[in-house]
Amino acid sequence: MLKTFRKALQIEEIRKKLWYTFLMLIVVRIGSQLPTPGVNPEYVKSFFASQTGEAFNFFNAFTGGSFEQMSIFALNISPYITSSIIMQLLTIAIPKLEEMQKDGEDGRKKIQAISRYVTVVLALIQATAMAVAFGRQGLLIEYNFVNAAVVVLTLTAGTAFLMWLGERITEKGIGNGISVILLINILSRIPSDFVALYEQFMKGKSFAIMALAALIIVAIILFVVVFVVILQDGQRKIAVQYSQKVHGRKTVGGQSSFIPLKVNTAGVVPVIFASSLMQLPIIIASFVGAGDGDGIGSQILNGLNSNNWCDPENIHYSWGLILYIVLTIAFAYFYTSITFNPMEVANNLKKNGGFIPGIRPGKPTEEYLARILKYIIFIGAVGLIIVQVIPFFFNGVLGASVSFGGTSLIIIVGVVLEIIKQIESQMLVRNYKGFLNSGK
């Protein structure tokens, strides 16, 4: 990795892209510190001090602390992520969108344009809900229409600006811009998390205990990171053979290839879906000021709160963890079913004269791919669950509450691997260009 980075810095074109990305990320972090006009900072501090649940911590980690500070980037790119997921789901449900997706680059640009509009609408709805719900509770210095409108427009504009920055990074920088912004948001929270771990497990202890605690923390993090790398890169290669065809005096085809089926086909989407669905009731309850007391509603909210899972003193609340595992597996199957179509792959193979050795083309190939995919999805979902449950376990048993959980680590590793692969591909293209130029 470091060797690749050093070689990349020696290439002027890639070096410029890296600098451009770095400067755009500085703009993102500066904007994350700028307060939204009309917001009462004391209310924001007291509100988050009273929140012991995971609902807002999960959202705050994704926004790089912008939500906690109620900056102009408080909503960050969350509406864009939601918009992208909605568009992917609608592509399956609406035939016209499905046709656009198959139209190549032009269709992709049209879908992307629609995603931008959906992002702005979602940001407007979320900003309005926050301004009205929190504004009545003291978020705004003076709760009136003008101040609420300023907050709504500021937060919506902040999301739109971040979306624009992400597209500029994709076009002129390195990596997918939205993913890179999400990465820097999560990384910005890690130093404070390490400080919290130090104060909780090492501060004031003897040197031997401090060393042992540091060793255990580093070992756990390294294990999870290595496991995530294996999970992200793992794939099942299904061999494909293409039949030979004779065109005139030329023989075409006959080569061997393979279909790469990733173990973690759905990526981090099932985890985000499951977490968001389970935290939604908690967020709504916080908005309306409900959920306090010992009633059935409060019991349900406590079970949905991941901070109560694996806690020996409140083990009965761990039913939420079981529900979370079931939802993660269900969303893994659901999301993979709409992003990978075995029938389409089987038909494309048949049209191009390809076949899987030992499997007849057409329907048998489709059934074979669907059967293999079921096992792979389950393995990937179990891997995601392991990565997620480890932080929940240490949080419940030891009270080690940090913002970078399994979801954050999966995103960090996935984006870093994507950036490295893009740098390597650009270096490879440059080497080909150099070879062709030297040939002249």
Protein backbone atom coordinates (compact mmCIF):
# COMPACT_ATOMS: atom_id res chain seq x y z
CA MET A 1 0.00 0.00 0.00
CA LEU A 2 2.75 2.48 1.01
CA LYS A 3 4.82 1.42 -2.00
CA THR A 4 1.88 2.12 -4.31
CA PHE A 5 1.31 5.50 -2.67
CA ARG A 6 4.99 6.49 -3.05
CA LYS A 7 4.96 5.56 -6.74
CA ALA A 8 1.71 7.47 -7.25
CA LEU A 9 3.24 10.66 -5.77
CA GLN A 10 5.99 10.46 -8.40
CA ILE A 11 3.39 10.81 -11.18
CA GLU A 12 2.35 14.44 -11.70
CA GLU A 13 -1.19 13.68 -12.92
CA ILE A 14 -2.04 11.46 -9.95
CA ARG A 15 -0.29 13.84 -7.55
CA LYS A 16 -2.54 16.69 -8.74
CA LYS A 17 -5.64 14.54 -8.24
CA LEU A 18 -4.54 13.64 -4.72
CA TRP A 19 -3.92 17.31 -3.87
CA TYR A 20 -7.31 18.27 -5.32
CA THR A 21 -9.03 15.61 -3.20
CA PHE A 22 -7.12 16.75 -0.11
CA LEU A 23 -8.11 20.41 -0.60
CA MET A 24 -11.78 19.49 -1.11
CA LEU A 25 -11.73 17.47 2.11
CA ILE A 26 -10.31 20.48 3.97
CA VAL A 27 -13.34 22.45 2.72
CA VAL A 28 -15.60 19.68 4.06
CA ARG A 29 -14.01 19.77 7.51
CA ILE A 30 -14.12 23.59 7.67
CA GLY A 31 -17.82 23.55 6.79
CA SER A 32 -18.39 20.96 9.52
CA GLN A 33 -17.25 23.53 12.09
CA LEU A 34 -19.39 26.46 10.88
CA PRO A 35 -22.52 26.83 13.08
CA THR A 36 -25.97 27.10 11.56
CA PRO A 37 -27.41 30.64 12.03
CA GLY A 38 -30.05 30.98 14.74
CA VAL A 39 -29.18 27.72 16.54
CA ASN A 40 -28.74 27.69 20.32
CA PRO A 41 -25.39 25.91 20.98
CA GLU A 42 -26.20 25.31 24.65
CA TYR A 43 -29.32 23.34 23.73
CA VAL A 44 -27.33 21.19 21.29
CA LYS A 45 -24.72 20.36 23.97
CA SER A 46 -27.33 19.52 26.62
CA PHE A 47 -29.39 17.48 24.17
CA PHE A 48 -26.50 15.23 23.15
CA ALA A 49 -25.32 14.97 26.75
CA SER A 50 -28.73 13.48 27.60
CA GLN A 51 -28.64 10.98 24.73
CA THR A 52 -27.31 7.60 25.83
CA GLY A 53 -28.60 5.67 22.85
CA GLU A 54 -27.05 4.70 19.57
CA ALA A 55 -29.61 6.42 17.34
CA PHE A 56 -27.95 9.82 17.16
CA ASN A 57 -24.40 8.48 17.70
CA PHE A 58 -24.77 6.41 14.53
CA PHE A 59 -25.89 9.45 12.55
CA ASN A 60 -23.30 11.71 14.17
CA ALA A 61 -20.46 9.35 13.21
CA PHE A 62 -21.57 9.44 9.56
CA THR A 63 -21.65 13.24 9.60
CA GLY A 64 -18.22 13.62 11.20
CA GLY A 65 -19.60 15.40 14.27
CA SER A 66 -21.43 17.98 12.14
CA PHE A 67 -24.81 16.89 13.49
CA GLU A 68 -23.65 17.14 17.11
CA GLN A 69 -22.41 20.69 16.49
CA MET A 70 -25.44 21.49 14.31
CA SER A 71 -23.13 23.00 11.68
CA ILE A 72 -24.17 23.98 8.15
CA PHE A 73 -23.29 20.40 7.13
CA ALA A 74 -25.41 18.83 9.91
CA LEU A 75 -27.32 16.60 7.47
CA ASN A 76 -24.13 15.95 5.51
CA ILE A 77 -24.44 13.39 2.67
CA SER A 78 -26.99 11.17 4.43
CA PRO A 79 -29.85 12.38 2.14
CA TYR A 80 -27.71 11.52 -0.90
CA ILE A 81 -27.03 8.00 0.38
CA THR A 82 -30.74 7.51 1.07
CA SER A 83 -31.58 8.91 -2.37
CA SER A 84 -29.17 6.51 -4.10
CA ILE A 85 -30.67 3.52 -2.29
CA ILE A 86 -34.21 4.65 -3.16
CA MET A 87 -33.27 5.05 -6.84
CA GLN A 88 -31.78 1.55 -6.90
CA LEU A 89 -35.00 0.13 -5.48
CA LEU A 90 -37.16 2.15 -7.87
CA THR A 91 -35.09 0.95 -10.82
CA ILE A 92 -36.45 -2.53 -10.16
CA ALA A 93 -40.04 -1.37 -9.59
CA ILE A 94 -40.35 1.16 -12.45
CA PRO A 95 -39.73 -0.21 -15.97
CA LYS A 96 -38.81 3.23 -17.39
CA LEU A 97 -36.00 3.63 -14.88
CA GLU A 98 -34.84 0.11 -15.65
CA GLU A 99 -34.63 1.06 -19.33
CA MET A 100 -32.60 4.14 -18.43
CA GLN A 101 -30.17 1.97 -16.49
CA LYS A 102 -29.65 -0.22 -19.54
CA ASP A 103 -29.05 2.78 -21.83
CA GLY A 104 -25.40 2.99 -20.80
CA GLU A 105 -23.73 6.29 -19.97
CA ASP A 106 -26.69 8.47 -21.04
CA GLY A 107 -29.12 6.51 -18.90
CA ARG A 108 -26.75 6.63 -15.94
CA LYS A 109 -26.53 10.42 -16.22
CA LYS A 110 -30.33 10.74 -16.28
CA ILE A 111 -30.70 8.56 -13.18
CA GLN A 112 -27.96 10.56 -11.46
CA ALA A 113 -29.79 13.81 -12.27
CA ILE A 114 -33.01 12.42 -10.75
CA SER A 115 -31.01 11.32 -7.67
CA ARG A 116 -29.84 14.91 -7.19
CA TYR A 117 -33.42 16.21 -7.11
CA VAL A 118 -34.48 13.43 -4.73
CA THR A 119 -31.51 14.31 -2.49
CA VAL A 120 -32.57 17.96 -2.25
CA VAL A 121 -36.18 16.97 -1.49
CA LEU A 122 -35.08 14.54 1.25
CA ALA A 123 -32.73 17.16 2.73
CA LEU A 124 -35.58 19.69 2.72
CA ILE A 125 -37.90 17.24 4.51
CA GLN A 126 -35.29 16.27 7.12
CA ALA A 127 -34.25 19.88 7.74
CA THR A 128 -37.89 20.92 8.17
CA ALA A 129 -38.54 18.08 10.61
CA MET A 130 -35.48 19.04 12.66
CA ALA A 131 -36.28 22.77 12.66
CA VAL A 132 -39.87 22.18 13.76
CA ALA A 133 -39.37 19.30 16.21
CA PHE A 134 -36.16 20.53 17.86
CA GLY A 135 -37.05 24.20 17.40
CA ARG A 136 -40.02 23.87 19.73
CA GLN A 137 -37.79 22.23 22.35
CA GLY A 138 -35.16 25.01 22.33
CA LEU A 139 -32.91 24.33 19.32
CA LEU A 140 -33.55 27.82 17.94
CA ILE A 141 -32.60 30.91 19.92
CA GLU A 142 -35.97 32.36 18.95
CA TYR A 143 -38.55 29.98 17.52
CA ASN A 144 -40.37 31.73 14.67
CA PHE A 145 -40.99 31.22 10.97
CA VAL A 146 -38.00 33.28 9.78
CA ASN A 147 -35.43 31.51 11.99
CA ALA A 148 -36.89 28.09 11.16
CA ALA A 149 -36.76 28.92 7.41
CA VAL A 150 -33.12 30.03 7.72
CA VAL A 151 -32.19 26.73 9.39
CA VAL A 152 -34.08 24.68 6.78
CA LEU A 153 -32.49 26.52 3.84
CA THR A 154 -29.00 26.41 5.41
CA LEU A 155 -29.07 22.66 6.08
CA THR A 156 -30.53 21.90 2.65
CA ALA A 157 -27.94 24.08 0.93
CA GLY A 158 -25.19 22.39 2.97
CA THR A 159 -26.24 18.96 1.71
CA ALA A 160 -26.48 20.22 -1.89
CA PHE A 161 -23.01 21.77 -1.65
CA LEU A 162 -21.52 18.55 -0.25
CA MET A 163 -23.17 16.61 -3.08
CA TRP A 164 -21.53 18.99 -5.56
CA LEU A 165 -18.15 18.61 -3.84
CA GLY A 166 -18.49 14.83 -4.00
CA GLU A 167 -19.15 14.93 -7.74
CA ARG A 168 -16.14 17.23 -8.25
CA ILE A 169 -13.91 14.80 -6.33
CA THR A 170 -15.18 11.93 -8.49
CA GLU A 171 -14.49 13.93 -11.66
CA LYS A 172 -11.15 15.60 -10.81
CA GLY A 173 -9.86 13.74 -7.77
CA ILE A 174 -9.31 10.17 -6.61
CA GLY A 175 -12.07 7.72 -5.71
CA ASN A 176 -15.82 8.07 -5.48
CA GLY A 177 -16.39 11.55 -4.03
CA ILE A 178 -19.35 10.68 -1.81
CA SER A 179 -17.51 7.66 -0.39
CA VAL A 180 -14.38 9.75 0.25
CA ILE A 181 -16.40 12.39 2.12
CA LEU A 182 -18.05 9.67 4.20
CA LEU A 183 -14.59 8.22 4.90
CA ILE A 184 -13.13 11.52 6.17
CA ASN A 185 -16.23 12.07 8.33
CA ILE A 186 -15.76 8.73 10.07
CA LEU A 187 -11.98 9.17 10.42
CA SER A 188 -12.45 12.58 12.03
CA ARG A 189 -14.21 10.93 14.98
CA ILE A 190 -11.59 8.24 15.65
CA PRO A 191 -9.07 10.40 17.62
CA SER A 192 -11.74 11.37 20.17
CA ASP A 193 -12.77 7.71 20.40
CA PHE A 194 -9.20 6.67 21.24
CA VAL A 195 -9.04 9.41 23.88
CA ALA A 196 -12.28 8.04 25.38
CA LEU A 197 -10.83 4.50 25.40
CA TYR A 198 -7.66 5.78 27.08
CA GLU A 199 -9.58 7.60 29.80
CA GLN A 200 -11.84 4.61 30.41
CA PHE A 201 -9.35 1.72 30.44
CA MET A 202 -5.83 3.14 30.89
CA LYS A 203 -5.84 6.50 32.65
CA GLY A 204 -4.69 6.24 36.27
CA LYS A 205 -3.82 2.53 35.98
CA SER A 206 -0.45 0.88 36.52
CA PHE A 207 1.93 0.51 33.58
CA ALA A 208 1.28 -3.25 33.27
CA ILE A 209 -2.50 -2.78 33.13
CA MET A 210 -2.14 0.12 30.67
CA ALA A 211 0.09 -1.98 28.40
CA LEU A 212 -2.26 -4.96 28.57
CA ALA A 213 -5.32 -2.80 27.83
CA ALA A 214 -3.56 -1.11 24.90
CA LEU A 215 -2.49 -4.50 23.53
CA ILE A 216 -6.03 -5.90 23.75
CA ILE A 217 -7.55 -2.82 22.09
CA VAL A 218 -5.03 -2.86 19.22
CA ALA A 219 -5.41 -6.64 18.77
CA ILE A 220 -9.22 -6.37 18.55
CA ILE A 221 -9.07 -3.51 16.04
CA LEU A 222 -6.46 -5.31 13.90
CA PHE A 223 -8.50 -8.52 13.95
CA VAL A 224 -11.65 -6.71 12.83
CA VAL A 225 -9.79 -4.76 10.11
CA VAL A 226 -8.13 -7.90 8.72
CA PHE A 227 -11.44 -9.76 8.84
CA VAL A 228 -13.17 -6.90 6.97
CA VAL A 229 -10.41 -6.89 4.31
CA ILE A 230 -10.90 -10.63 3.76
CA LEU A 231 -14.67 -10.16 3.69
CA GLN A 232 -14.50 -7.30 1.18
CA ASP A 233 -12.04 -9.01 -1.18
CA GLY A 234 -13.43 -12.54 -0.88
CA GLN A 235 -15.13 -13.90 -3.99
CA ARG A 236 -16.26 -17.15 -5.58
CA LYS A 237 -14.97 -17.54 -9.13
CA ILE A 238 -17.31 -19.54 -11.36
CA ALA A 239 -15.47 -20.84 -14.41
CA VAL A 240 -16.92 -19.94 -17.83
CA GLN A 241 -15.93 -21.44 -21.18
CA TYR A 242 -16.72 -19.79 -24.53
CA SER A 243 -17.33 -21.99 -27.56
CA GLN A 244 -15.31 -21.50 -30.72
CA LYS A 245 -16.91 -19.94 -33.78
CA VAL A 246 -15.49 -19.81 -37.29
CA HIS A 247 -15.95 -16.57 -39.25
CA GLY A 248 -14.39 -17.01 -42.68
CA ARG A 249 -10.79 -17.95 -42.04
CA LYS A 250 -10.79 -16.70 -38.47
CA THR A 251 -11.64 -18.69 -35.35
CA VAL A 252 -13.31 -16.59 -32.66
CA GLY A 253 -13.84 -17.56 -29.02
CA GLY A 254 -12.68 -20.65 -27.23
CA GLN A 255 -11.16 -18.73 -24.31
CA SER A 256 -11.80 -19.36 -20.63
CA SER A 257 -13.04 -16.78 -18.13
CA PHE A 258 -14.92 -16.64 -14.85
CA ILE A 259 -17.83 -14.90 -13.13
CA PRO A 260 -16.66 -13.25 -9.88
CA LEU A 261 -19.33 -13.49 -7.17
CA LYS A 262 -18.28 -11.37 -4.18
CA VAL A 263 -18.81 -12.92 -0.77
CA ASN A 264 -20.06 -9.58 0.56
CA THR A 265 -22.21 -8.91 -2.49
CA ALA A 266 -24.42 -6.29 -0.86
CA GLY A 267 -21.57 -4.43 0.86
CA VAL A 268 -22.50 -2.37 3.89
CA VAL A 269 -26.06 -1.66 2.67
CA PRO A 270 -27.79 -4.43 4.76
CA VAL A 271 -26.15 -3.08 7.92
CA ILE A 272 -27.23 0.49 7.14
CA PHE A 273 -30.76 -0.66 6.30
CA ALA A 274 -31.10 -2.73 9.49
CA SER A 275 -29.57 -0.04 11.74
CA SER A 276 -31.65 2.76 10.22
CA LEU A 277 -34.88 0.78 10.50
CA MET A 278 -34.25 -0.07 14.15
CA GLN A 279 -33.15 3.44 15.13
CA LEU A 280 -36.05 5.19 13.37
CA PRO A 281 -38.55 4.65 16.25
CA ILE A 282 -35.96 5.98 18.74
CA ILE A 283 -35.37 9.12 16.67
CA ILE A 284 -39.11 9.73 16.27
CA ALA A 285 -39.61 9.24 20.01
CA SER A 286 -36.85 11.81 20.69
CA PHE A 287 -38.51 14.26 18.30
CA VAL A 288 -41.89 14.06 20.03
CA GLY A 289 -40.46 13.70 23.54
CA ALA A 290 -41.93 10.22 24.10
CA GLY A 291 -40.47 6.97 25.38
CA ASP A 292 -39.78 7.98 28.99
CA GLY A 293 -40.93 5.85 31.91
CA ASP A 294 -41.36 2.10 32.39
CA GLY A 295 -44.23 1.46 29.99
CA ILE A 296 -44.30 -1.03 27.12
CA GLY A 297 -43.24 1.70 24.68
CA SER A 298 -40.15 2.47 26.73
CA GLN A 299 -39.32 -1.25 26.97
CA ILE A 300 -39.51 -1.61 23.20
CA LEU A 301 -37.29 1.45 22.64
CA ASN A 302 -34.74 0.09 25.13
CA GLY A 303 -34.66 -3.19 23.22
CA LEU A 304 -34.07 -1.37 19.93
CA ASN A 305 -31.22 0.63 21.49
CA SER A 306 -27.93 -1.17 20.73
CA ASN A 307 -26.30 0.32 23.86
CA ASN A 308 -28.46 -2.07 25.91
CA TRP A 309 -27.43 -5.21 24.01
CA CYS A 310 -25.10 -7.77 25.64
CA ASP A 311 -25.41 -5.90 28.94
CA PRO A 312 -25.32 -8.51 31.76
CA GLU A 313 -27.52 -6.30 33.95
CA ASN A 314 -30.17 -5.86 31.23
CA ILE A 315 -29.75 -9.04 29.23
CA HIS A 316 -33.48 -9.14 28.44
CA TYR A 317 -33.00 -6.16 26.11
CA SER A 318 -30.72 -8.26 23.86
CA TRP A 319 -33.79 -9.41 21.93
CA GLY A 320 -33.05 -6.34 19.83
CA LEU A 321 -29.74 -7.90 18.78
CA ILE A 322 -31.55 -11.01 17.54
CA LEU A 323 -33.95 -8.82 15.55
CA TYR A 324 -30.96 -6.88 14.16
CA ILE A 325 -29.29 -10.12 12.98
CA VAL A 326 -32.49 -11.31 11.29
CA LEU A 327 -32.95 -7.94 9.54
CA THR A 328 -29.32 -7.89 8.35
CA ILE A 329 -29.63 -11.34 6.76
CA ALA A 330 -33.01 -10.45 5.21
CA PHE A 331 -31.71 -7.18 3.73
CA ALA A 332 -28.59 -8.96 2.41
CA TYR A 333 -30.77 -11.35 0.40
CA PHE A 334 -33.16 -8.58 -0.65
CA TYR A 335 -30.50 -6.11 -1.83
CA THR A 336 -28.50 -8.77 -3.67
CA SER A 337 -31.65 -9.97 -5.44
CA ILE A 338 -32.19 -6.50 -6.96
CA THR A 339 -28.55 -5.88 -7.89
CA PHE A 340 -27.59 -9.31 -9.29
CA ASN A 341 -29.97 -11.07 -11.68
CA PRO A 342 -28.99 -14.73 -12.35
CA MET A 343 -31.46 -14.95 -15.27
CA GLU A 344 -29.88 -11.94 -16.99
CA VAL A 345 -26.37 -13.30 -16.49
CA ALA A 346 -27.41 -16.71 -17.81
CA ASN A 347 -29.03 -15.15 -20.91
CA ASN A 348 -25.97 -13.00 -21.61
CA LEU A 349 -23.74 -16.06 -21.39
CA LYS A 350 -25.98 -17.95 -23.79
CA LYS A 351 -26.03 -15.07 -26.31
CA ASN A 352 -22.23 -14.80 -26.28
CA GLY A 353 -21.69 -18.54 -26.61
CA GLY A 354 -20.53 -18.99 -23.02
CA PHE A 355 -21.35 -21.78 -20.62
CA ILE A 356 -20.37 -23.06 -17.19
CA PRO A 357 -18.57 -26.43 -17.54
CA GLY A 358 -20.92 -29.23 -16.55
CA ILE A 359 -23.99 -26.96 -16.59
CA ARG A 360 -26.32 -26.63 -19.58
CA PRO A 361 -26.94 -23.06 -20.88
CA GLY A 362 -30.22 -21.29 -20.15
CA LYS A 363 -32.47 -22.29 -17.26
CA PRO A 364 -30.02 -24.78 -15.65
CA THR A 365 -27.32 -22.07 -15.58
CA GLU A 366 -29.76 -19.62 -13.97
CA GLU A 367 -30.71 -22.17 -11.30
CA TYR A 368 -27.07 -23.03 -10.66
CA LEU A 369 -26.11 -19.33 -10.18
CA ALA A 370 -29.11 -18.72 -7.91
CA ARG A 371 -28.20 -21.75 -5.77
CA ILE A 372 -24.54 -20.70 -5.41
CA LEU A 373 -25.60 -17.12 -4.71
CA LYS A 374 -27.81 -18.18 -1.78
CA TYR A 375 -24.85 -19.76 0.02
CA ILE A 376 -22.54 -16.82 -0.74
CA ILE A 377 -25.08 -14.24 0.50
CA PHE A 378 -25.51 -16.14 3.76
CA ILE A 379 -21.73 -16.33 4.31
CA GLY A 380 -21.39 -12.59 3.57
CA ALA A 381 -24.27 -11.72 5.92
CA VAL A 382 -22.73 -13.81 8.71
CA GLY A 383 -19.44 -11.98 8.15
CA LEU A 384 -21.20 -8.62 8.45
CA ILE A 385 -22.92 -9.77 11.64
CA ILE A 386 -19.61 -10.86 13.20
CA VAL A 387 -18.05 -7.47 12.46
CA GLN A 388 -21.09 -5.71 13.94
CA VAL A 389 -21.55 -7.89 17.03
CA ILE A 390 -17.93 -7.52 18.27
CA PRO A 391 -18.35 -3.78 19.08
CA PHE A 392 -21.82 -4.45 20.56
CA PHE A 393 -20.34 -7.15 22.83
CA PHE A 394 -17.55 -4.96 24.21
CA ASN A 395 -19.92 -2.03 24.50
CA GLY A 396 -22.40 -4.07 26.54
CA VAL A 397 -19.94 -6.00 28.71
CA LEU A 398 -17.23 -3.36 29.22
CA GLY A 399 -19.08 -0.14 28.36
CA ALA A 400 -16.55 0.69 25.61
CA SER A 401 -18.78 3.06 23.66
CA VAL A 402 -17.07 4.42 20.53
CA SER A 403 -18.44 5.87 17.31
CA PHE A 404 -16.44 3.65 14.94
CA GLY A 405 -18.35 0.39 15.08
CA GLY A 406 -18.45 -2.44 12.57
CA THR A 407 -20.30 -0.36 9.99
CA SER A 408 -17.67 2.38 10.11
CA LEU A 409 -14.79 -0.09 9.78
CA ILE A 410 -16.42 -1.77 6.77
CA ILE A 411 -16.82 1.63 5.09
CA ILE A 412 -13.24 2.69 5.94
CA VAL A 413 -11.69 -0.51 4.59
CA GLY A 414 -13.97 -0.60 1.52
CA VAL A 415 -13.27 3.01 0.50
CA VAL A 416 -9.51 2.72 1.12
CA LEU A 417 -9.34 -0.45 -1.00
CA GLU A 418 -11.34 1.28 -3.73
CA ILE A 419 -8.97 4.28 -3.73
CA ILE A 420 -5.90 2.02 -3.89
CA LYS A 421 -7.35 0.04 -6.80
CA GLN A 422 -8.17 3.26 -8.68
CA ILE A 423 -4.64 4.61 -8.16
CA GLU A 424 -3.16 1.31 -9.36
CA SER A 425 -5.40 1.27 -12.43
CA GLN A 426 -4.41 4.84 -13.34
CA MET A 427 -0.73 3.96 -12.90
CA LEU A 428 -1.25 0.92 -15.13
CA VAL A 429 -2.93 3.03 -17.83
CA ARG A 430 -0.08 5.52 -17.66
CA ASN A 431 2.47 2.71 -18.10
CA TYR A 432 0.58 1.49 -21.18
CA LYS A 433 0.58 5.03 -22.59
CA GLY A 434 4.30 5.31 -21.93
CA PHE A 435 4.93 2.00 -23.69
CA LEU A 436 2.91 3.10 -26.73
CA ASN A 437 4.66 6.48 -26.88
CA SER A 438 8.09 4.83 -26.66
CA GLY A 439 7.05 2.51 -29.46
CA LYS A 440 6.57 5.51 -31.73
